[in-house]
C-alpha cells in the first residue's frame, strides 16, 4: 500500500487534466474556426443554391426567364458538359455560358472554335479577364468593377434602347472591334458588349448574322431582379432572338479531354488555399508562443511542503525514465564530495578539485579506502554502464562516507 501511494505521487507522467489544461486553448480555437467555416459554407450554399439555373425558383435562380421565353415559343435546354454545348452551336440557337471562369483554358479555346462562324448568338455572363480574352478575342476586362449596378443604355443598340436602364453594372469591358456595340457604360467602359461576326465569319445565307454578347453582371437573369427596371426586357431580347436557347452550366465535374490535365490544387477555390495558409501561419505562431521561454527560470516557493524523500525519488524516476545514469552518478558524487570536504579539512569551494580533496582523504583513511586510485575512480571516475553499476556506486559512496565519519 505504501509503495503504491509513493509511486502515484512521484510519477512524472502528465495526467489527463494537465494535458487538457495545456492544450485547451489551441483546441478550442481550432474548434471555433471549424464551426465558423461550416456555418459560413452553409449560409453561402443556402443563399446561392441553384444560381443562374433556369430550373431553379430560388431568388438567384433563372426559372422566371425560362418560363417567359417558353411563352414566346423559345425552348430552353440545360447542358452541363462542354461536348453538349459545342454540339448545340448553330444559326438557330442562342448559347448562354453561365459561369465562363469555371472552364479551363483548353475548354474555353474549344468552345470558341465551336461558336465562331456558327451563325448563332453566344452570351457570356460576367467572364473575367483571361476567360473573355479567349472566348471573345479582342475584348479585355477592366480589373476595377463598376461602382453602380443600375446603368442607362447610352448606345444605339436597339435591344438596349428598348429595354432602358438595367442592372448590368459589374465587370467593365473594352473592345478593339470597330463595329462592336458598347452599351451601359460606367466611367467610359461598357458593361455590355455585342460583337458581330466579321464578314469572313458570316452565317449561312438567309439566316440572322451571328454575334457574341458579353455581359458584366448576371443580375438581369435572376428571379428576384427580373421585374426591376428594364431587366426582363433586356434578358428576353438577348436570349429570345433564336428559336432555341441552350443554357450551359459549367461545373468542376465537367468532362475534359485527356490532354486537359488539372491538379488537385486547380480544383480548390482560391479562398480555401488562402485560408489554409492563414491557419498554417497561426499554428506556427501558436507553437512559437507555447514553446519559447522568455528569460531564465524563476524559482518559486512551493505552496505545500514536500518531503525530501519524495523529491529525491521523483528525480530518480525521471533519471531512470531517460536512462540518465551519467547525470545520476554525477549528482551522487557531487553531493558526497560536498559532505566529505569539511570532514577532512578541505574548503567546500575546493571539494570538486581532485588535487585538493583526494590527498586529504587518503591521509584520513586507512586500508582499501585510503588508496588514491580507488578514491579517484570512486569520486571522479566515468559514469556507470548499467543500473547495477550505478547501485554499486551508490553503496560504495555510502560506505566511504561512513568510513570518514567513523571516530
Protein backbone atom coordinates (compact mmCIF):
# COMPACT_ATOMS: atom_id res chain seq x y z
CA UNK A 1 0.00 0.00 0.00
CA UNK A 2 2.75 2.46 0.91
CA UNK A 3 4.75 1.65 -2.22
CA UNK A 4 1.74 2.23 -4.48
CA UNK A 5 0.97 5.57 -2.88
CA UNK A 6 4.56 6.71 -3.30
CA UNK A 7 4.63 5.71 -6.95
CA UNK A 8 1.47 7.65 -7.75
CA UNK A 9 2.60 10.83 -6.03
CA UNK A 10 6.04 10.90 -7.60
CA UNK A 11 5.10 9.89 -11.15
CA UNK A 12 6.40 12.25 -13.86
CA UNK A 13 3.70 11.28 -16.39
CA UNK A 14 1.19 14.14 -17.01
CA UNK A 15 -2.39 13.50 -16.02
CA UNK A 16 -5.36 13.89 -18.34
CA UNK A 17 -6.29 17.12 -16.56
CA UNK A 18 -2.80 18.54 -17.13
CA UNK A 19 -2.85 17.61 -20.83
CA UNK A 20 -6.26 19.25 -21.25
CA UNK A 21 -5.13 22.40 -19.41
CA UNK A 22 -2.12 22.77 -21.71
CA UNK A 23 -3.92 22.08 -24.98
CA UNK A 24 -7.40 23.50 -24.39
CA UNK A 25 -6.59 26.95 -25.77
CA UNK A 26 -5.42 25.73 -29.18
CA UNK A 27 -8.12 23.03 -29.27
CA UNK A 28 -10.92 25.50 -28.60
CA UNK A 29 -9.52 27.90 -31.21
CA UNK A 30 -9.42 25.16 -33.87
CA UNK A 31 -12.96 24.05 -33.00
CA UNK A 32 -14.20 27.64 -33.26
CA UNK A 33 -12.55 28.06 -36.68
CA UNK A 34 -14.07 24.79 -37.90
CA UNK A 35 -17.56 25.73 -36.69
CA UNK A 36 -17.27 29.18 -38.29
CA UNK A 37 -16.13 27.67 -41.60
CA UNK A 38 -19.05 25.20 -41.64
CA UNK A 39 -21.52 27.96 -40.74
CA UNK A 40 -20.24 30.28 -43.48
CA UNK A 41 -20.29 27.46 -46.04
CA UNK A 42 -23.85 26.55 -45.04
CA UNK A 43 -25.08 30.13 -45.24
CA UNK A 44 -23.44 30.73 -48.61
CA UNK A 45 -24.70 27.45 -50.04
CA UNK A 46 -28.26 28.24 -48.94
CA UNK A 47 -28.13 31.77 -50.33
CA UNK A 48 -26.80 30.77 -53.77
CA UNK A 49 -28.50 27.43 -54.29
CA UNK A 50 -29.27 26.95 -57.98
CA UNK A 51 -27.61 30.20 -59.05
CA UNK A 52 -28.30 31.01 -62.73
CA UNK A 53 -30.10 27.68 -63.15
CA UNK A 54 -33.21 28.03 -65.36
CA UNK A 55 -34.82 25.16 -63.43
CA UNK A 56 -34.46 26.89 -60.06
CA UNK A 57 -37.15 29.11 -58.48
CA UNK A 58 -34.74 30.37 -55.80
CA UNK A 59 -34.02 34.13 -55.67
CA UNK A 60 -30.77 33.63 -57.57
CA UNK A 61 -32.20 31.09 -59.99
CA UNK A 62 -33.42 31.87 -63.52
CA UNK A 63 -36.64 29.91 -63.87
CA UNK A 64 -38.70 33.04 -64.48
CA UNK A 65 -36.66 33.91 -67.59
CA UNK A 66 -37.07 30.39 -68.97
CA UNK A 67 -40.85 30.45 -68.47
CA UNK A 68 -41.21 33.84 -70.13
CA UNK A 69 -39.15 32.62 -73.08
CA UNK A 70 -41.33 29.49 -73.32
CA UNK A 71 -44.43 31.69 -73.57
CA UNK A 72 -42.78 33.32 -76.62
CA UNK A 73 -42.00 29.96 -78.28
CA UNK A 74 -38.32 29.74 -77.31
CA UNK A 75 -37.28 26.35 -75.99
CA UNK A 76 -34.67 26.15 -73.21
CA UNK A 77 -32.35 23.19 -72.77
CA UNK A 78 -29.83 22.89 -69.92
CA UNK A 79 -26.47 21.23 -70.60
CA UNK A 80 -23.56 20.72 -68.22
CA UNK A 81 -20.83 19.33 -70.45
CA UNK A 82 -18.60 21.00 -72.98
CA UNK A 83 -19.37 18.44 -75.67
CA UNK A 84 -23.12 19.15 -75.48
CA UNK A 85 -22.51 22.88 -75.56
CA UNK A 86 -20.27 22.63 -78.63
CA UNK A 87 -22.73 20.36 -80.43
CA UNK A 88 -25.61 22.80 -79.80
CA UNK A 89 -23.93 25.76 -81.52
CA UNK A 90 -25.86 26.69 -84.66
CA UNK A 91 -27.62 29.55 -86.52
CA UNK A 92 -30.97 28.92 -84.78
CA UNK A 93 -29.51 28.65 -81.27
CA UNK A 94 -28.52 31.05 -78.51
CA UNK A 95 -25.80 29.56 -76.31
CA UNK A 96 -25.62 31.08 -72.82
CA UNK A 97 -22.45 30.29 -70.84
CA UNK A 98 -23.42 30.88 -67.21
CA UNK A 99 -20.02 30.79 -65.48
CA UNK A 100 -17.25 31.03 -68.11
CA UNK A 101 -14.49 31.32 -65.50
CA UNK A 102 -15.06 27.69 -64.41
CA UNK A 103 -13.86 26.45 -67.78
CA UNK A 104 -10.21 25.61 -68.23
CA UNK A 105 -8.09 27.39 -70.79
CA UNK A 106 -8.34 24.46 -73.18
CA UNK A 107 -12.12 24.24 -72.75
CA UNK A 108 -12.52 27.95 -73.46
CA UNK A 109 -10.48 27.63 -76.64
CA UNK A 110 -12.55 24.65 -77.80
CA UNK A 111 -15.82 26.43 -77.06
CA UNK A 112 -14.69 29.47 -79.04
CA UNK A 113 -13.78 27.26 -82.01
CA UNK A 114 -17.28 25.73 -81.94
CA UNK A 115 -19.19 29.02 -81.78
CA UNK A 116 -17.01 31.01 -84.19
CA UNK A 117 -18.80 31.28 -87.53
CA UNK A 118 -21.79 29.21 -86.35
CA UNK A 119 -24.27 31.99 -87.10
CA UNK A 120 -25.80 31.76 -83.63
CA UNK A 121 -25.58 34.02 -80.62
CA UNK A 122 -23.24 33.37 -77.70
CA UNK A 123 -23.99 35.11 -74.40
CA UNK A 124 -21.11 35.20 -71.91
CA UNK A 125 -22.20 36.04 -68.35
CA UNK A 126 -19.60 38.05 -66.40
CA UNK A 127 -16.42 36.43 -67.76
CA UNK A 128 -13.17 37.50 -66.12
CA UNK A 129 -10.08 38.83 -67.89
CA UNK A 130 -8.43 35.55 -69.02
CA UNK A 131 -11.77 33.95 -69.97
CA UNK A 132 -13.12 36.83 -72.04
CA UNK A 133 -9.87 37.18 -73.99
CA UNK A 134 -10.18 33.58 -75.17
CA UNK A 135 -13.95 33.39 -75.62
CA UNK A 136 -14.24 36.81 -77.27
CA UNK A 137 -10.87 37.76 -78.79
CA UNK A 138 -10.30 41.50 -78.92
CA UNK A 139 -12.22 42.12 -75.68
CA UNK A 140 -10.45 42.92 -72.41
CA UNK A 141 -11.85 43.16 -68.90
CA UNK A 142 -11.01 46.04 -66.60
CA UNK A 143 -9.92 44.95 -63.08
CA UNK A 144 -11.99 47.72 -61.46
CA UNK A 145 -15.68 46.84 -61.11
CA UNK A 146 -18.46 49.25 -61.89
CA UNK A 147 -19.43 51.30 -58.81
CA UNK A 148 -23.11 51.35 -59.92
CA UNK A 149 -25.38 48.38 -60.56
CA UNK A 150 -28.16 50.12 -62.49
CA UNK A 151 -26.99 51.85 -65.66
CA UNK A 152 -28.50 53.58 -68.68
CA UNK A 153 -28.01 52.13 -72.23
CA UNK A 154 -26.28 55.16 -73.79
CA UNK A 155 -25.80 53.34 -77.12
CA UNK A 156 -27.57 52.78 -80.45
CA UNK A 157 -28.19 49.05 -80.00
CA UNK A 158 -31.97 48.57 -80.47
CA UNK A 159 -32.13 45.85 -77.82
CA UNK A 160 -30.65 48.15 -75.17
CA UNK A 161 -32.66 51.23 -76.21
CA UNK A 162 -35.95 49.31 -75.93
CA UNK A 163 -35.01 47.88 -72.53
CA UNK A 164 -33.82 51.14 -70.98
CA UNK A 165 -31.96 51.13 -67.67
CA UNK A 166 -30.92 47.70 -66.39
CA UNK A 167 -28.80 46.07 -63.69
CA UNK A 168 -25.73 45.37 -65.80
CA UNK A 169 -23.17 47.03 -63.52
CA UNK A 170 -20.35 44.63 -62.72
CA UNK A 171 -17.27 43.82 -64.77
CA UNK A 172 -16.41 46.53 -67.32
CA UNK A 173 -15.07 45.76 -70.79
CA UNK A 174 -13.35 47.44 -73.70
CA UNK A 175 -13.20 46.13 -77.26
CA UNK A 176 -10.88 46.56 -80.22
CA UNK A 177 -13.69 45.72 -82.68
CA UNK A 178 -14.76 48.73 -84.71
CA UNK A 179 -18.34 47.50 -85.18
CA UNK A 180 -18.83 46.44 -81.55
CA UNK A 181 -21.82 47.92 -79.70
CA UNK A 182 -20.72 49.24 -76.29
CA UNK A 183 -23.70 49.75 -74.00
CA UNK A 184 -24.46 50.56 -70.37
CA UNK A 185 -21.17 52.37 -69.81
CA UNK A 186 -19.70 53.00 -66.39
CA UNK A 187 -16.92 55.57 -66.36
CA UNK A 188 -16.45 55.27 -70.14
CA UNK A 189 -16.21 51.45 -70.13
CA UNK A 190 -19.11 49.24 -71.23
CA UNK A 191 -20.78 46.60 -69.11
CA UNK A 192 -22.50 45.08 -72.17
CA UNK A 193 -20.72 44.45 -75.44
CA UNK A 194 -22.16 42.99 -78.63
CA UNK A 195 -19.55 41.85 -81.12
CA UNK A 196 -20.98 40.90 -84.54
CA UNK A 197 -19.36 38.29 -86.73
CA UNK A 198 -16.86 39.56 -89.28
CA UNK A 199 -17.68 39.11 -92.98
CA UNK A 200 -15.49 36.02 -93.06
CA UNK A 201 -17.49 34.54 -90.21
CA UNK A 202 -20.91 35.34 -91.68
CA UNK A 203 -23.56 32.74 -91.16
CA UNK A 204 -25.34 30.88 -93.91
CA UNK A 205 -27.26 32.97 -96.44
CA UNK A 206 -30.78 33.82 -95.31
CA UNK A 207 -30.07 33.50 -91.59
CA UNK A 208 -29.55 36.12 -88.91
CA UNK A 209 -25.86 37.03 -88.59
CA UNK A 210 -24.20 35.59 -85.54
CA UNK A 211 -22.77 37.59 -82.68
CA UNK A 212 -21.26 37.38 -79.21
CA UNK A 213 -22.71 39.27 -76.23
CA UNK A 214 -20.54 39.90 -73.19
CA UNK A 215 -22.50 40.89 -70.09
CA UNK A 216 -20.79 42.32 -67.00
CA UNK A 217 -23.25 41.00 -64.38
CA UNK A 218 -25.82 38.18 -64.15
CA UNK A 219 -28.43 40.24 -62.25
CA UNK A 220 -30.85 40.63 -65.15
CA UNK A 221 -31.36 36.84 -65.23
CA UNK A 222 -32.07 36.41 -61.50
CA UNK A 223 -35.63 35.71 -60.39
CA UNK A 224 -35.54 38.40 -57.71
CA UNK A 225 -34.27 41.12 -60.10
CA UNK A 226 -36.19 40.28 -63.22
CA UNK A 227 -39.07 42.71 -62.51
CA UNK A 228 -36.76 45.64 -61.76
CA UNK A 229 -36.00 48.42 -64.28
CA UNK A 230 -35.62 47.03 -67.81
CA UNK A 231 -34.07 43.72 -66.74
CA UNK A 232 -36.84 41.50 -68.09
CA UNK A 233 -36.92 43.26 -71.47
CA UNK A 234 -33.16 43.10 -71.87
CA UNK A 235 -32.95 39.44 -70.80
CA UNK A 236 -35.76 38.32 -73.12
CA UNK A 237 -34.34 40.19 -76.11
CA UNK A 238 -30.81 38.84 -75.57
CA UNK A 239 -31.95 35.25 -75.14
CA UNK A 240 -35.01 35.20 -77.41
CA UNK A 241 -33.52 36.17 -80.78
CA UNK A 242 -33.34 32.47 -81.82
CA UNK A 243 -35.83 29.62 -81.55
CA UNK A 244 -33.67 27.56 -79.22
CA UNK A 245 -31.77 28.51 -76.08
CA UNK A 246 -29.03 26.23 -74.77
CA UNK A 247 -28.17 27.09 -71.17
CA UNK A 248 -24.64 25.86 -70.41
CA UNK A 249 -23.88 25.47 -66.68
CA UNK A 250 -20.18 24.58 -66.41
CA UNK A 251 -19.09 22.66 -63.33
CA UNK A 252 -15.91 21.24 -61.82
CA UNK A 253 -17.09 17.75 -62.82
CA UNK A 254 -17.41 18.70 -66.49
CA UNK A 255 -15.75 16.07 -68.67
CA UNK A 256 -12.45 17.24 -70.13
CA UNK A 257 -10.20 15.94 -72.83
CA UNK A 258 -7.31 13.62 -71.87
CA UNK A 259 -4.77 16.35 -72.60
CA UNK A 260 -6.51 18.79 -70.24
CA UNK A 261 -4.81 17.77 -67.04
CA UNK A 262 -5.79 19.54 -63.83
CA UNK A 263 -4.11 19.04 -60.50
CA UNK A 264 -5.89 18.73 -57.17
CA UNK A 265 -4.98 22.33 -56.28
CA UNK A 266 -6.55 23.60 -59.51
CA UNK A 267 -9.89 22.20 -58.33
CA UNK A 268 -9.75 24.01 -54.99
CA UNK A 269 -11.22 27.52 -54.79
CA UNK A 270 -8.61 30.19 -54.13
CA UNK A 271 -10.29 31.07 -50.82
CA UNK A 272 -9.52 27.65 -49.36
CA UNK A 273 -5.85 27.94 -50.28
CA UNK A 274 -5.57 31.34 -48.58
CA UNK A 275 -7.47 30.02 -45.57
CA UNK A 276 -5.13 27.04 -45.26
CA UNK A 277 -2.12 29.35 -45.45
CA UNK A 278 -3.55 31.55 -42.70
CA UNK A 279 -4.20 28.52 -40.48
CA UNK A 280 -0.63 27.33 -41.05
CA UNK A 281 0.78 30.73 -40.06
CA UNK A 282 -1.48 30.84 -36.99
CA UNK A 283 -0.41 27.35 -35.95
CA UNK A 284 3.27 28.28 -36.38
CA UNK A 285 2.88 31.41 -34.25
CA UNK A 286 1.00 29.44 -31.58
CA UNK A 287 3.76 26.83 -31.50
CA UNK A 288 6.44 29.51 -31.12
CA UNK A 289 4.40 31.20 -28.39
CA UNK A 290 3.96 27.98 -26.41
CA UNK A 291 7.49 26.68 -26.92
CA UNK A 292 9.64 29.76 -26.30
CA UNK A 293 10.67 30.72 -22.76
CA UNK A 294 11.08 34.42 -22.17
CA UNK A 295 14.12 34.81 -19.89
CA UNK A 296 15.60 32.49 -17.29
CA UNK A 297 13.55 30.31 -14.95
CA UNK A 298 12.43 31.98 -11.73
CA UNK A 299 12.34 29.78 -8.61
CA UNK A 300 9.14 29.93 -6.61
CA UNK A 301 8.23 28.71 -3.19
CA UNK A 302 6.09 25.62 -3.24
CA UNK A 303 2.57 26.10 -1.88
CA UNK A 304 2.93 22.93 0.23
CA UNK A 305 5.81 21.21 2.00
CA UNK A 306 7.15 18.15 0.18
CA UNK A 307 9.29 15.56 1.91
CA UNK A 308 12.86 15.32 0.70
CA UNK A 309 12.49 11.60 0.09
CA UNK A 310 9.64 12.21 -2.34
CA UNK A 311 11.62 14.83 -4.23
CA UNK A 312 14.67 12.57 -4.44
CA UNK A 313 12.56 9.64 -5.58
CA UNK A 314 10.78 11.76 -8.19
CA UNK A 315 14.07 12.97 -9.63
CA UNK A 316 15.44 9.43 -9.60
CA UNK A 317 12.44 8.23 -11.56
CA UNK A 318 12.98 10.97 -14.13
CA UNK A 319 16.64 9.93 -14.49
CA UNK A 320 15.63 6.30 -14.87
CA UNK A 321 12.93 7.12 -17.46
CA UNK A 322 15.52 8.64 -19.81
CA UNK A 323 18.39 6.31 -18.81
CA UNK A 324 20.39 9.27 -17.48
CA UNK A 325 22.84 7.21 -15.42
CA UNK A 326 25.59 9.75 -16.07
CA UNK A 327 23.57 12.58 -14.50
CA UNK A 328 22.51 10.39 -11.57
CA UNK A 329 26.12 9.33 -10.88
CA UNK A 330 27.34 12.93 -11.17
CA UNK A 331 24.70 14.06 -8.65
CA UNK A 332 25.64 11.31 -6.19
CA UNK A 333 29.40 12.01 -6.45
CA UNK A 334 28.95 15.79 -6.17
CA UNK A 335 26.80 15.50 -3.05
CA UNK A 336 29.28 13.07 -1.47
CA UNK A 337 32.29 15.31 -2.21
CA UNK A 338 30.46 18.31 -0.75
CA UNK A 339 29.81 16.44 2.51
CA UNK A 340 33.28 14.87 2.75
CA UNK A 341 35.35 18.03 2.19
CA UNK A 342 34.62 19.69 5.59
CA UNK A 343 35.24 16.37 7.36
CA UNK A 344 38.84 16.19 6.08
CA UNK A 345 39.64 19.88 6.38
CA UNK A 346 39.14 20.92 2.75
CA UNK A 347 37.10 24.05 1.95
CA UNK A 348 33.80 23.39 0.24
CA UNK A 349 34.89 25.57 -2.70
CA UNK A 350 37.68 23.03 -3.41
CA UNK A 351 35.56 19.94 -2.80
CA UNK A 352 35.32 19.19 -6.52
CA UNK A 353 39.05 19.58 -7.22
CA UNK A 354 40.84 16.18 -7.19
CA UNK A 355 44.23 17.73 -6.30
CA UNK A 356 42.81 19.25 -3.11
CA UNK A 357 40.33 16.61 -1.95
CA UNK A 358 41.98 13.26 -2.71
CA UNK A 359 45.27 13.73 -0.74
CA UNK A 360 43.32 14.87 2.34
CA UNK A 361 41.00 11.85 2.09
CA UNK A 362 43.91 9.42 1.62
CA UNK A 363 45.65 10.81 4.71
CA UNK A 364 42.48 10.49 6.75
CA UNK A 365 41.69 6.91 5.71
CA UNK A 366 43.49 3.61 6.06
CA UNK A 367 43.37 0.32 4.23
CA UNK A 368 41.49 -0.12 0.94
CA UNK A 369 39.64 3.18 1.17
CA UNK A 370 42.93 5.04 1.51
CA UNK A 371 44.13 4.03 -1.99
CA UNK A 372 44.41 7.17 -4.14
CA UNK A 373 43.48 5.41 -7.39
CA UNK A 374 40.41 3.86 -5.77
CA UNK A 375 39.31 7.24 -4.40
CA UNK A 376 39.81 8.94 -7.77
CA UNK A 377 37.78 6.30 -9.60
CA UNK A 378 35.05 6.39 -6.95
CA UNK A 379 34.67 10.18 -6.69
CA UNK A 380 35.73 11.37 -10.15
CA UNK A 381 35.50 8.28 -12.38
CA UNK A 382 33.46 7.61 -15.53
CA UNK A 383 29.68 7.09 -15.40
CA UNK A 384 28.42 3.54 -14.73
CA UNK A 385 27.47 1.40 -17.69
CA UNK A 386 24.22 -0.07 -16.31
CA UNK A 387 21.81 0.18 -13.41
CA UNK A 388 23.63 -2.46 -11.38
CA UNK A 389 26.89 -0.48 -11.60
CA UNK A 390 25.00 2.68 -10.54
CA UNK A 391 23.62 0.93 -7.46
CA UNK A 392 27.09 -0.39 -6.60
CA UNK A 393 28.49 3.14 -6.93
CA UNK A 394 25.86 4.48 -4.51
CA UNK A 395 26.70 1.74 -1.99
CA UNK A 396 30.43 2.45 -2.25
CA UNK A 397 29.89 6.19 -1.75
CA UNK A 398 27.81 5.50 1.36
CA UNK A 399 30.49 3.17 2.70
CA UNK A 400 33.21 5.79 2.07
CA UNK A 401 31.23 8.47 3.90
CA UNK A 402 30.62 6.16 6.87
CA UNK A 403 34.31 5.35 7.00
CA UNK A 404 35.28 9.04 7.05
CA UNK A 405 32.72 9.82 9.75
CA UNK A 406 33.89 6.94 11.93
CA UNK A 407 35.69 8.26 15.06
